[in-house]
Amino acid sequence: MLVLTRKKNESVMFGEEIKITILDIRGDSIRLGIEAPKKLTVLRGELYQAVKEENTRAAGVEQSVLEQLRIWRGKKTEQDGKEDSIFDDI
């Protein structure tokens, strides 16, 4: 990890497009100004982690749904004696 010391109104550049400026320092809180291209997502660390965990959880649910569809498809095929092409890619 790179550690830098900056004072109020000083900045740090990431490449040529991302600039972070120290706007204010109050006690143990620092107010940052971030200039970055609009295409770049900027999230607080705790929000990034929450989104990452939710995406991981959602992907797990999707896998269980796919498994249920595979089981359902197998039962349906046994009962009807025909294939349901909608689920061929599952």
Foldseek 3Di string as FASTA:
>chain_A
DDDDDDDAQDWDDDPPFWIKGFHDDDDPDTDIDIGHPPVDDDDDPVVVVVVVVVVVVVVVVVVVVLVVVVVVQVVVCVVVVDHDVVNPVD
